[in-house]
């Protein structure tokens, strides 16, 4: 656990020295430093660090004898491993390259859209998204592709033709992501919502309140009508029936409840800060992602696998939602208090999980290979 505490200390120290929110040059310098220390620790980790790391290592070692369509992993991920194996047969190479892709994508997204890069980076580590990419390599790589897809539609669009090209490319990137992990097909839901809404500002001052109400209602409905939701899920993802009825069919109620409460607090605090204001396109995107995160976290109290789906949306809470509502707090002293409270409680969450619930992340004890 010490190595992760050192990372948090170095990130905080670098932020105090560089002041990344000051300008783009400082932000990029801070994020490059962040990328290096996070990637280094993740890339040189031992094969026992991360729940699924051993599985991917064994698969990589035998990849020459495994068919692209093998019934275990998606074709895109298998081709990815075969390509890397031609460069180096050392499984450590796989861990390092996947870390570069996942953490690099996070840092680029933060550079482009986060108003509070320090907050985004600290929450990424403290609330577990950083540890997740050590556990769920396949899903994390798929998430990275979807993030690139969403970046295309979040960027400014100069004209209608240019917009259409970005829409098509973003859809293709999400389709590519499904060849690494089919479960990311659910990210087409926010993709469709954002395409439908377009790039105009929301004129309704009640939109944030309605977003909160709709999120709570939808979460309550899917929780109570869980059997019906499961039948729909099996129709959409028949290849994942073993997840729904295997090991992942159990639930970790306390962990799911705790993560749900954290997301709901972020949702409510942000709604209070942004109440009565017009939401920008970026803010609408983040509230959609946060809403979906809450819904799937509620489902994860019934079955653990839904927590993995929630993580496809959770990362945008740290990247956009929290920095956005913090940026809207006018009084500097109030903003400082909220920021300290968020980071402080998140730090306690990481300490408690790593020290008392290591089975939630399986990244401790940390060892170098």
Protein backbone atom coordinates (compact mmCIF):
# COMPACT_ATOMS: atom_id res chain seq x y z
CA UNK A 1 0.00 0.00 0.00
CA UNK A 2 2.94 2.31 0.64
CA UNK A 3 3.65 2.73 -3.07
CA UNK A 4 0.15 4.10 -3.67
CA UNK A 5 0.48 6.56 -0.77
CA UNK A 6 3.78 7.75 -2.26
CA UNK A 7 2.05 8.28 -5.60
CA UNK A 8 -0.67 10.41 -3.98
CA UNK A 9 1.96 12.43 -2.11
CA UNK A 10 4.02 13.04 -5.28
CA UNK A 11 0.95 14.04 -7.30
CA UNK A 12 -0.14 16.48 -4.58
CA UNK A 13 3.37 17.90 -4.29
CA UNK A 14 3.69 18.31 -8.06
CA UNK A 15 0.34 20.09 -8.16
CA UNK A 16 1.46 22.51 -5.44
CA UNK A 17 4.65 23.29 -7.36
CA UNK A 18 3.23 23.49 -10.89
CA UNK A 19 -0.32 24.87 -10.28
CA UNK A 20 -1.80 22.95 -13.26
CA UNK A 21 -5.07 24.88 -13.31
CA UNK A 22 -3.14 28.06 -14.14
CA UNK A 23 -2.61 27.50 -17.86
CA UNK A 24 -2.41 24.79 -20.51
CA UNK A 25 1.38 24.49 -20.39
CA UNK A 26 1.37 23.85 -16.64
CA UNK A 27 -1.53 21.43 -16.95
CA UNK A 28 0.29 19.36 -19.59
CA UNK A 29 3.48 19.35 -17.52
CA UNK A 30 1.56 18.11 -14.45
CA UNK A 31 -0.29 15.45 -16.44
CA UNK A 32 2.90 14.20 -18.06
CA UNK A 33 4.41 13.76 -14.59
CA UNK A 34 1.22 11.99 -13.48
CA UNK A 35 1.32 9.73 -16.54
CA UNK A 36 4.92 8.71 -15.83
CA UNK A 37 4.51 7.80 -12.14
CA UNK A 38 1.14 6.04 -12.59
CA UNK A 39 2.29 4.10 -15.66
CA UNK A 40 5.58 3.10 -14.10
CA UNK A 41 3.94 1.58 -11.02
CA UNK A 42 1.24 -0.15 -13.05
CA UNK A 43 3.58 -1.34 -15.80
CA UNK A 44 6.22 -2.98 -13.62
CA UNK A 45 3.79 -4.65 -11.21
CA UNK A 46 4.12 -8.31 -10.40
CA UNK A 47 1.77 -10.86 -11.89
CA UNK A 48 -0.01 -11.25 -8.54
CA UNK A 49 -1.11 -7.60 -8.51
CA UNK A 50 -4.62 -7.40 -9.94
CA UNK A 51 -7.40 -9.97 -9.89
CA UNK A 52 -7.17 -10.95 -13.57
CA UNK A 53 -3.47 -10.31 -14.19
CA UNK A 54 -2.47 -13.97 -13.90
CA UNK A 55 -5.16 -14.95 -16.39
CA UNK A 56 -3.93 -12.48 -18.99
CA UNK A 57 -0.30 -13.47 -18.39
CA UNK A 58 -1.05 -17.17 -18.98
CA UNK A 59 -3.09 -16.28 -22.06
CA UNK A 60 -0.27 -14.14 -23.42
CA UNK A 61 2.31 -16.86 -22.85
CA UNK A 62 0.24 -19.30 -24.93
CA UNK A 63 -1.19 -16.83 -27.44
CA UNK A 64 0.50 -18.49 -30.45
CA UNK A 65 -1.63 -21.58 -29.86
CA UNK A 66 -4.90 -19.73 -29.35
CA UNK A 67 -7.36 -19.01 -32.17
CA UNK A 68 -8.65 -15.48 -32.75
CA UNK A 69 -12.21 -16.71 -32.27
CA UNK A 70 -11.72 -18.81 -29.17
CA UNK A 71 -14.95 -18.45 -27.20
CA UNK A 72 -13.13 -17.02 -24.16
CA UNK A 73 -11.93 -13.54 -25.11
CA UNK A 74 -13.13 -11.22 -27.88
CA UNK A 75 -11.32 -11.27 -31.24
CA UNK A 76 -9.97 -7.72 -31.01
CA UNK A 77 -8.29 -8.36 -27.68
CA UNK A 78 -6.80 -11.65 -28.91
CA UNK A 79 -5.42 -9.96 -32.04
CA UNK A 80 -4.00 -7.20 -29.84
CA UNK A 81 -2.18 -9.78 -27.71
CA UNK A 82 -0.90 -11.65 -30.78
CA UNK A 83 0.49 -8.40 -32.23
CA UNK A 84 2.30 -7.53 -28.99
CA UNK A 85 3.62 -11.07 -28.68
CA UNK A 86 5.37 -10.72 -32.05
CA UNK A 87 7.30 -7.78 -30.57
CA UNK A 88 8.06 -9.38 -27.22
CA UNK A 89 7.04 -12.70 -25.65
CA UNK A 90 7.56 -11.29 -22.15
CA UNK A 91 4.13 -10.82 -20.46
CA UNK A 92 5.52 -7.72 -18.74
CA UNK A 93 5.43 -6.03 -22.14
CA UNK A 94 1.67 -6.60 -22.25
CA UNK A 95 1.20 -5.04 -18.80
CA UNK A 96 3.30 -2.01 -19.71
CA UNK A 97 1.61 -1.35 -23.07
CA UNK A 98 -1.89 -1.71 -21.63
CA UNK A 99 -0.94 0.68 -18.80
CA UNK A 100 0.35 3.23 -21.31
CA UNK A 101 -2.88 3.08 -23.31
CA UNK A 102 -5.28 3.24 -20.36
CA UNK A 103 -3.48 5.84 -18.23
CA UNK A 104 -2.40 7.83 -21.29
CA UNK A 105 -6.00 8.09 -22.49
CA UNK A 106 -7.11 9.25 -19.05
CA UNK A 107 -4.41 11.95 -18.99
CA UNK A 108 -5.27 13.19 -22.50
CA UNK A 109 -8.99 13.35 -21.64
CA UNK A 110 -8.14 15.24 -18.46
CA UNK A 111 -5.96 17.67 -20.39
CA UNK A 112 -8.75 18.41 -22.86
CA UNK A 113 -11.77 18.72 -20.58
CA UNK A 114 -11.01 18.90 -16.86
CA UNK A 115 -11.06 22.32 -15.23
CA UNK A 116 -9.46 20.84 -12.11
CA UNK A 117 -6.75 18.38 -13.26
CA UNK A 118 -5.43 17.80 -9.74
CA UNK A 119 -8.89 16.83 -8.47
CA UNK A 120 -9.44 14.55 -11.49
CA UNK A 121 -6.12 12.75 -11.00
CA UNK A 122 -6.51 12.36 -7.23
CA UNK A 123 -10.05 10.98 -7.54
CA UNK A 124 -8.89 8.65 -10.31
CA UNK A 125 -6.41 7.11 -7.86
CA UNK A 126 -8.22 7.47 -4.54
CA UNK A 127 -11.61 6.13 -5.65
CA UNK A 128 -10.17 3.11 -7.44
CA UNK A 129 -10.36 3.70 -11.20
CA UNK A 130 -6.56 3.49 -11.35
CA UNK A 131 -6.64 0.14 -9.56
CA UNK A 132 -9.38 -1.12 -11.87
CA UNK A 133 -7.14 -0.86 -14.93
CA UNK A 134 -4.71 -3.18 -13.12
CA UNK A 135 -7.53 -5.70 -12.61
CA UNK A 136 -9.69 -5.55 -15.71
CA UNK A 137 -7.23 -5.04 -18.57
CA UNK A 138 -9.62 -6.07 -21.32
CA UNK A 139 -12.43 -3.80 -20.15
CA UNK A 140 -10.03 -0.93 -19.41
CA UNK A 141 -8.63 -1.05 -22.94
CA UNK A 142 -12.17 -1.09 -24.30
CA UNK A 143 -13.03 1.88 -22.06
CA UNK A 144 -10.05 3.77 -23.51
CA UNK A 145 -11.39 3.33 -27.04
CA UNK A 146 -14.83 4.58 -26.00
CA UNK A 147 -13.20 7.62 -24.38
CA UNK A 148 -11.52 8.47 -27.68
CA UNK A 149 -14.91 8.05 -29.36
CA UNK A 150 -16.58 10.45 -26.94
CA UNK A 151 -13.74 12.94 -27.34
CA UNK A 152 -14.65 13.21 -31.02
CA UNK A 153 -18.22 14.25 -30.30
CA UNK A 154 -17.31 16.49 -27.36
CA UNK A 155 -14.90 18.59 -29.42
CA UNK A 156 -16.19 21.66 -31.24
CA UNK A 157 -17.59 20.91 -34.68
CA UNK A 158 -16.99 23.46 -37.42
CA UNK A 159 -19.74 22.51 -39.88
CA UNK A 160 -22.33 19.83 -40.50
CA UNK A 161 -20.08 17.66 -42.69
CA UNK A 162 -17.29 17.77 -40.14
CA UNK A 163 -19.82 16.85 -37.45
CA UNK A 164 -21.03 13.84 -39.44
CA UNK A 165 -17.46 12.60 -39.90
CA UNK A 166 -16.82 12.81 -36.15
CA UNK A 167 -20.07 11.01 -35.37
CA UNK A 168 -19.19 8.13 -37.68
CA UNK A 169 -15.62 7.86 -36.36
CA UNK A 170 -16.81 7.91 -32.75
CA UNK A 171 -19.30 5.11 -33.50
CA UNK A 172 -16.54 3.07 -35.15
CA UNK A 173 -14.29 3.50 -32.10
CA UNK A 174 -17.04 2.24 -29.81
CA UNK A 175 -17.59 -0.71 -32.15
CA UNK A 176 -13.84 -1.38 -32.01
CA UNK A 177 -14.07 -1.30 -28.22
CA UNK A 178 -16.69 -4.07 -28.30
CA UNK A 179 -14.11 -6.35 -29.96
CA UNK A 180 -12.07 -6.02 -26.76
CA UNK A 181 -15.00 -6.38 -24.35
CA UNK A 182 -18.54 -6.80 -25.68
CA UNK A 183 -20.06 -5.32 -22.54
CA UNK A 184 -19.06 -1.79 -23.62
CA UNK A 185 -21.92 -1.90 -26.14
CA UNK A 186 -23.91 -0.16 -23.37
CA UNK A 187 -21.90 3.02 -24.04
CA UNK A 188 -23.97 3.46 -27.19
CA UNK A 189 -26.76 4.65 -24.86
CA UNK A 190 -25.05 7.94 -23.89
CA UNK A 191 -23.64 8.18 -27.43
CA UNK A 192 -27.17 8.18 -28.86
CA UNK A 193 -28.38 10.65 -26.23
CA UNK A 194 -25.57 13.09 -26.98
CA UNK A 195 -25.99 12.83 -30.75
CA UNK A 196 -29.73 13.42 -30.38
CA UNK A 197 -29.28 16.45 -28.16
CA UNK A 198 -26.71 18.03 -30.47
CA UNK A 199 -24.23 20.69 -29.45
CA UNK A 200 -26.61 23.41 -28.26
CA UNK A 201 -26.76 24.61 -24.68
CA UNK A 202 -29.66 23.39 -22.58
CA UNK A 203 -32.09 26.29 -22.19
CA UNK A 204 -34.04 24.75 -19.31
CA UNK A 205 -33.02 25.97 -15.85
CA UNK A 206 -34.70 22.89 -14.33
CA UNK A 207 -32.71 20.40 -16.40
CA UNK A 208 -30.34 19.50 -13.59
CA UNK A 209 -33.20 18.92 -11.18
CA UNK A 210 -34.99 16.75 -13.71
CA UNK A 211 -31.78 14.83 -14.34
CA UNK A 212 -31.51 13.99 -10.63
CA UNK A 213 -35.17 12.97 -10.42
CA UNK A 214 -34.95 10.80 -13.54
CA UNK A 215 -31.78 9.13 -12.25
CA UNK A 216 -33.34 8.26 -8.89
CA UNK A 217 -36.56 7.02 -10.48
CA UNK A 218 -34.75 4.89 -13.05
CA UNK A 219 -32.46 3.40 -10.40
CA UNK A 220 -35.49 2.53 -8.24
CA UNK A 221 -37.34 0.96 -11.18
CA UNK A 222 -34.45 -1.27 -12.33
CA UNK A 223 -33.78 -2.34 -8.74
CA UNK A 224 -37.39 -3.38 -8.16
CA UNK A 225 -37.90 -4.84 -11.66
CA UNK A 226 -34.58 -6.66 -11.59
CA UNK A 227 -35.84 -9.93 -13.10
CA UNK A 228 -37.19 -8.15 -16.17
CA UNK A 229 -33.96 -6.18 -16.53
CA UNK A 230 -31.95 -9.42 -16.39
CA UNK A 231 -34.00 -10.97 -19.18
CA UNK A 232 -33.36 -7.92 -21.37
CA UNK A 233 -29.63 -8.03 -20.55
CA UNK A 234 -29.40 -11.70 -21.57
CA UNK A 235 -31.03 -10.89 -24.91
CA UNK A 236 -28.53 -8.09 -25.58
CA UNK A 237 -25.47 -9.94 -24.23
CA UNK A 238 -26.13 -13.69 -24.57
CA UNK A 239 -22.40 -14.45 -24.59
CA UNK A 240 -22.12 -13.18 -21.01
CA UNK A 241 -24.65 -15.55 -19.45
CA UNK A 242 -21.76 -17.27 -17.63
CA UNK A 243 -21.05 -13.96 -15.87
CA UNK A 244 -24.69 -13.54 -14.92
CA UNK A 245 -24.96 -17.03 -13.48
CA UNK A 246 -21.35 -17.75 -12.46
CA UNK A 247 -18.96 -16.24 -9.93
CA UNK A 248 -20.02 -12.70 -10.77
CA UNK A 249 -23.68 -13.50 -10.02
CA UNK A 250 -22.95 -12.95 -6.33
CA UNK A 251 -23.12 -9.47 -4.85
CA UNK A 252 -20.89 -7.46 -2.57
CA UNK A 253 -23.70 -5.42 -1.08
CA UNK A 254 -21.64 -3.25 1.25
CA UNK A 255 -19.08 -2.30 -1.41
CA UNK A 256 -21.79 -1.53 -3.95
CA UNK A 257 -23.80 0.47 -1.44
CA UNK A 258 -20.74 2.52 -0.45
CA UNK A 259 -19.82 3.32 -4.06
CA UNK A 260 -23.47 4.17 -4.82
CA UNK A 261 -23.59 6.61 -1.89
CA UNK A 262 -20.38 8.30 -3.09
CA UNK A 263 -21.82 8.80 -6.58
CA UNK A 264 -25.16 10.01 -5.22
CA UNK A 265 -23.37 12.57 -3.04
CA UNK A 266 -21.48 13.86 -6.08
CA UNK A 267 -24.77 13.99 -7.98
CA UNK A 268 -26.65 15.93 -5.30
CA UNK A 269 -23.82 18.35 -4.43
CA UNK A 270 -23.32 19.13 -8.12
CA UNK A 271 -27.06 19.59 -8.61
CA UNK A 272 -27.19 22.06 -5.72
CA UNK A 273 -24.27 24.07 -7.10
CA UNK A 274 -25.61 24.07 -10.68
CA UNK A 275 -29.31 24.54 -9.87
CA UNK A 276 -31.07 27.12 -12.00
CA UNK A 277 -28.17 27.39 -14.46
CA UNK A 278 -27.95 26.45 -18.10
CA UNK A 279 -25.99 23.30 -18.65
CA UNK A 280 -23.27 23.27 -21.27
CA UNK A 281 -22.90 20.38 -23.70
CA UNK A 282 -20.01 19.04 -21.60
CA UNK A 283 -22.02 19.27 -18.38
CA UNK A 284 -24.97 17.47 -19.98
CA UNK A 285 -22.62 14.71 -21.08
CA UNK A 286 -21.23 14.32 -17.56
CA UNK A 287 -24.67 14.24 -15.90
CA UNK A 288 -25.79 11.52 -18.33
CA UNK A 289 -22.70 9.47 -17.49
CA UNK A 290 -23.13 10.02 -13.74
CA UNK A 291 -26.80 9.04 -13.96
CA UNK A 292 -25.96 5.78 -15.75
CA UNK A 293 -23.21 5.14 -13.20
CA UNK A 294 -25.70 5.44 -10.35
CA UNK A 295 -28.22 3.16 -12.06
CA UNK A 296 -25.68 0.38 -12.66
CA UNK A 297 -24.21 0.75 -9.17
CA UNK A 298 -27.69 0.21 -7.75
CA UNK A 299 -27.94 -2.93 -9.89
CA UNK A 300 -24.56 -4.08 -8.58
CA UNK A 301 -26.15 -4.41 -5.15
CA UNK A 302 -28.08 -7.28 -6.73
CA UNK A 303 -25.22 -8.72 -8.79
CA UNK A 304 -21.54 -7.79 -8.77
CA UNK A 305 -21.02 -7.80 -12.55
CA UNK A 306 -23.07 -4.62 -12.90
CA UNK A 307 -20.38 -2.77 -10.95
CA UNK A 308 -17.99 -3.40 -13.82
CA UNK A 309 -20.45 -1.85 -16.23
CA UNK A 310 -20.86 1.12 -13.89
CA UNK A 311 -17.12 1.77 -14.13
CA UNK A 312 -17.55 2.53 -17.84
CA UNK A 313 -19.42 5.67 -16.77
CA UNK A 314 -17.89 6.36 -13.36
CA UNK A 315 -14.61 7.77 -14.68
CA UNK A 316 -16.37 10.80 -16.18
CA UNK A 317 -17.48 11.84 -12.70
CA UNK A 318 -13.82 12.53 -11.84
CA UNK A 319 -12.92 13.87 -15.26
CA UNK A 320 -15.80 16.28 -15.87
CA UNK A 321 -18.66 16.39 -13.36
CA UNK A 322 -16.75 17.17 -10.16
CA UNK A 323 -14.39 19.72 -11.80
CA UNK A 324 -17.36 21.35 -13.55
CA UNK A 325 -19.44 21.97 -10.44
CA UNK A 326 -16.37 23.00 -8.42
CA UNK A 327 -15.59 25.58 -11.08
CA UNK A 328 -19.08 27.05 -10.58
CA UNK A 329 -18.59 27.70 -6.85
CA UNK A 330 -18.08 31.46 -6.83
CA UNK A 331 -16.76 31.98 -3.30
CA UNK A 332 -13.14 30.84 -3.13
CA UNK A 333 -13.29 29.82 0.53
CA UNK A 334 -16.37 27.64 -0.08
CA UNK A 335 -14.71 26.05 -3.10
CA UNK A 336 -11.60 25.29 -1.07
CA UNK A 337 -13.66 23.67 1.71
CA UNK A 338 -15.57 21.47 -0.76
CA UNK A 339 -12.38 20.44 -2.54
CA UNK A 340 -10.66 19.51 0.72
CA UNK A 341 -13.71 17.56 1.87
CA UNK A 342 -13.89 15.61 -1.40
CA UNK A 343 -10.18 14.76 -1.42
CA UNK A 344 -10.11 14.04 2.32
CA UNK A 345 -13.03 11.60 2.28
CA UNK A 346 -11.73 9.98 -0.91
CA UNK A 347 -8.34 9.48 0.73
CA UNK A 348 -10.03 7.82 3.72
CA UNK A 349 -11.96 5.60 1.32
CA UNK A 350 -8.73 4.41 -0.32
CA UNK A 351 -7.06 3.76 3.03
CA UNK A 352 -10.02 1.77 4.33
CA UNK A 353 -10.34 -0.31 1.15
CA UNK A 354 -6.64 -1.11 0.82
CA UNK A 355 -6.11 -1.78 4.52
CA UNK A 356 -9.32 -3.53 5.53
CA UNK A 357 -10.95 -4.68 2.28
CA UNK A 358 -8.02 -5.62 0.00
CA UNK A 359 -10.20 -8.23 -1.74
CA UNK A 360 -12.14 -5.37 -3.34
CA UNK A 361 -9.14 -4.37 -5.45
CA UNK A 362 -6.55 -7.18 -5.10
CA UNK A 363 -3.72 -4.71 -5.75
CA UNK A 364 -2.14 -5.15 -2.31
CA UNK A 365 0.38 -6.28 -1.43
CA UNK A 366 2.15 -4.53 -4.29
CA UNK A 367 5.18 -6.34 -5.68
CA UNK A 368 7.56 -5.58 -8.53
CA UNK A 369 8.01 -8.47 -10.94
